[in-house]
């Protein structure tokens, strides 16, 4: 498996959000920021569980939910924004996610994805805080 590692980003504090991923160099629209291998969680999809509630993702990203996963790399550190500048999708070849710019991202700008509406994240949670 040969996945793209991030070369234009860094992790630092994001005001009001804890840690975040920030561009260190210009990232262009449709550029792959990174590709993250996925760790399957021992939780049956659709079953309430508190395991890694704030970090787990549905896999596949689109289509029928098969399992809950944790992305390696910076995948769990991208913060939410309703005005996101990045997104993720299933890797076309591997069990991995690709994080991709949906618009140009300037150096120093935080890279944020749209987590989805509450139905995407409510599995096993008592409440959801999107910051």
Protein backbone atom coordinates (compact mmCIF):
# COMPACT_ATOMS: atom_id res chain seq x y z
CA UNK A 1 0.00 0.00 0.00
CA UNK A 2 1.44 3.35 -1.03
CA UNK A 3 -0.47 6.24 0.54
CA UNK A 4 0.26 9.96 0.14
CA UNK A 5 1.67 11.45 3.33
CA UNK A 6 0.96 15.09 4.19
CA UNK A 7 3.76 17.49 3.22
CA UNK A 8 1.99 20.85 3.34
CA UNK A 9 0.41 20.81 6.79
CA UNK A 10 1.17 21.04 10.48
CA UNK A 11 -0.76 20.49 13.69
CA UNK A 12 -1.14 23.37 16.12
CA UNK A 13 -3.68 24.87 18.50
CA UNK A 14 -6.93 26.00 16.97
CA UNK A 15 -8.69 28.73 18.99
CA UNK A 16 -11.69 27.21 20.74
CA UNK A 17 -11.22 23.81 19.10
CA UNK A 18 -8.15 22.21 20.69
CA UNK A 19 -5.75 21.01 18.03
CA UNK A 20 -6.23 21.54 14.31
CA UNK A 21 -4.51 20.95 10.98
CA UNK A 22 -3.11 24.04 9.27
CA UNK A 23 -1.60 24.61 5.82
CA UNK A 24 2.12 25.43 5.75
CA UNK A 25 2.14 25.85 1.96
CA UNK A 26 -0.52 26.69 -0.62
CA UNK A 27 -2.86 23.75 -1.21
CA UNK A 28 -4.84 23.89 -4.43
CA UNK A 29 -8.46 22.93 -5.02
CA UNK A 30 -8.80 19.16 -5.68
CA UNK A 31 -5.28 18.48 -4.33
CA UNK A 32 -4.98 15.42 -2.11
CA UNK A 33 -3.80 16.65 1.28
CA UNK A 34 -3.18 13.18 2.67
CA UNK A 35 -4.34 9.59 2.51
CA UNK A 36 -5.07 7.80 5.79
CA UNK A 37 -5.02 4.07 6.46
CA UNK A 38 -8.04 2.97 8.52
CA UNK A 39 -8.16 1.03 11.77
CA UNK A 40 -11.42 -0.94 12.17
CA UNK A 41 -13.02 -0.61 15.60
CA UNK A 42 -14.46 -3.56 17.53
CA UNK A 43 -17.92 -1.98 17.49
CA UNK A 44 -20.77 -3.24 15.36
CA UNK A 45 -22.09 -0.42 13.17
CA UNK A 46 -25.38 0.89 14.52
CA UNK A 47 -24.69 -0.38 18.05
CA UNK A 48 -24.37 2.29 20.75
CA UNK A 49 -20.85 2.49 22.12
CA UNK A 50 -18.74 5.17 23.76
CA UNK A 51 -15.56 3.88 22.09
CA UNK A 52 -13.73 6.80 20.42
CA UNK A 53 -17.00 8.68 19.93
CA UNK A 54 -15.36 11.91 18.85
CA UNK A 55 -12.85 10.32 16.49
CA UNK A 56 -14.53 7.46 14.68
CA UNK A 57 -15.73 7.59 11.11
CA UNK A 58 -18.24 5.55 9.17
CA UNK A 59 -16.77 3.29 6.49
CA UNK A 60 -17.30 3.44 3.68
CA UNK A 61 -17.73 7.20 3.66
CA UNK A 62 -20.56 6.86 1.17
CA UNK A 63 -22.94 4.02 0.56
CA UNK A 64 -23.99 1.34 3.02
CA UNK A 65 -22.30 1.56 6.42
CA UNK A 66 -20.11 -1.51 6.99
CA UNK A 67 -18.01 -0.58 10.01
CA UNK A 68 -16.65 2.15 12.24
CA UNK A 69 -13.01 3.13 11.77
CA UNK A 70 -10.29 5.46 13.04
CA UNK A 71 -8.16 7.09 10.33
CA UNK A 72 -4.43 7.19 11.00
CA UNK A 73 -2.35 10.25 10.13
CA UNK A 74 -4.05 13.58 10.75
CA UNK A 75 -7.50 12.20 9.89
CA UNK A 76 -8.91 12.60 13.42
CA UNK A 77 -7.48 16.09 13.88
CA UNK A 78 -9.25 17.99 11.07
CA UNK A 79 -11.89 20.18 12.71
CA UNK A 80 -15.44 20.80 11.52
CA UNK A 81 -16.69 23.82 9.61
CA UNK A 82 -20.01 24.42 7.87
CA UNK A 83 -17.85 26.38 5.39
CA UNK A 84 -15.30 23.60 4.94
CA UNK A 85 -12.27 23.86 2.69
CA UNK A 86 -11.59 20.11 2.58
CA UNK A 87 -13.47 16.83 2.50
CA UNK A 88 -12.70 13.14 2.67
CA UNK A 89 -13.69 10.24 0.48
CA UNK A 90 -12.98 6.55 0.21
CA UNK A 91 -9.66 5.73 -1.45
CA UNK A 92 -10.35 4.25 -4.89
CA UNK A 93 -7.92 1.35 -4.36
CA UNK A 94 -7.26 0.77 -0.63
CA UNK A 95 -9.20 0.68 2.59
CA UNK A 96 -8.24 4.28 3.33
CA UNK A 97 -9.58 7.83 3.19
CA UNK A 98 -8.33 10.64 1.00
CA UNK A 99 -8.52 14.15 2.45
CA UNK A 100 -8.90 16.57 -0.45
CA UNK A 101 -9.07 20.37 -0.75
CA UNK A 102 -12.44 21.60 -2.04
CA UNK A 103 -11.04 25.10 -2.56
CA UNK A 104 -7.62 26.73 -2.50
CA UNK A 105 -6.15 26.81 1.03
CA UNK A 106 -3.56 29.45 1.91
CA UNK A 107 -0.58 29.00 4.25
CA UNK A 108 -1.64 29.51 7.86
CA UNK A 109 -5.29 28.65 7.14
CA UNK A 110 -6.91 25.88 9.16
CA UNK A 111 -8.05 22.90 7.13
CA UNK A 112 -11.60 21.92 8.10
CA UNK A 113 -14.01 19.30 6.85
CA UNK A 114 -17.78 19.13 7.14
CA UNK A 115 -18.55 16.32 9.59
CA UNK A 116 -22.07 15.89 8.32
CA UNK A 117 -25.39 16.44 10.02
CA UNK A 118 -26.10 14.98 13.44
CA UNK A 119 -27.40 11.69 11.98
CA UNK A 120 -23.87 10.85 10.78
CA UNK A 121 -22.36 11.24 14.26
CA UNK A 122 -25.15 10.28 16.67
CA UNK A 123 -24.37 6.54 16.79
CA UNK A 124 -23.71 5.90 20.50
CA UNK A 125 -23.55 9.55 21.56
CA UNK A 126 -25.71 11.29 24.12
CA UNK A 127 -25.15 14.69 22.47
CA UNK A 128 -23.06 16.15 19.69
CA UNK A 129 -20.91 19.26 19.86
CA UNK A 130 -19.75 20.59 16.51
CA UNK A 131 -17.40 23.49 17.14
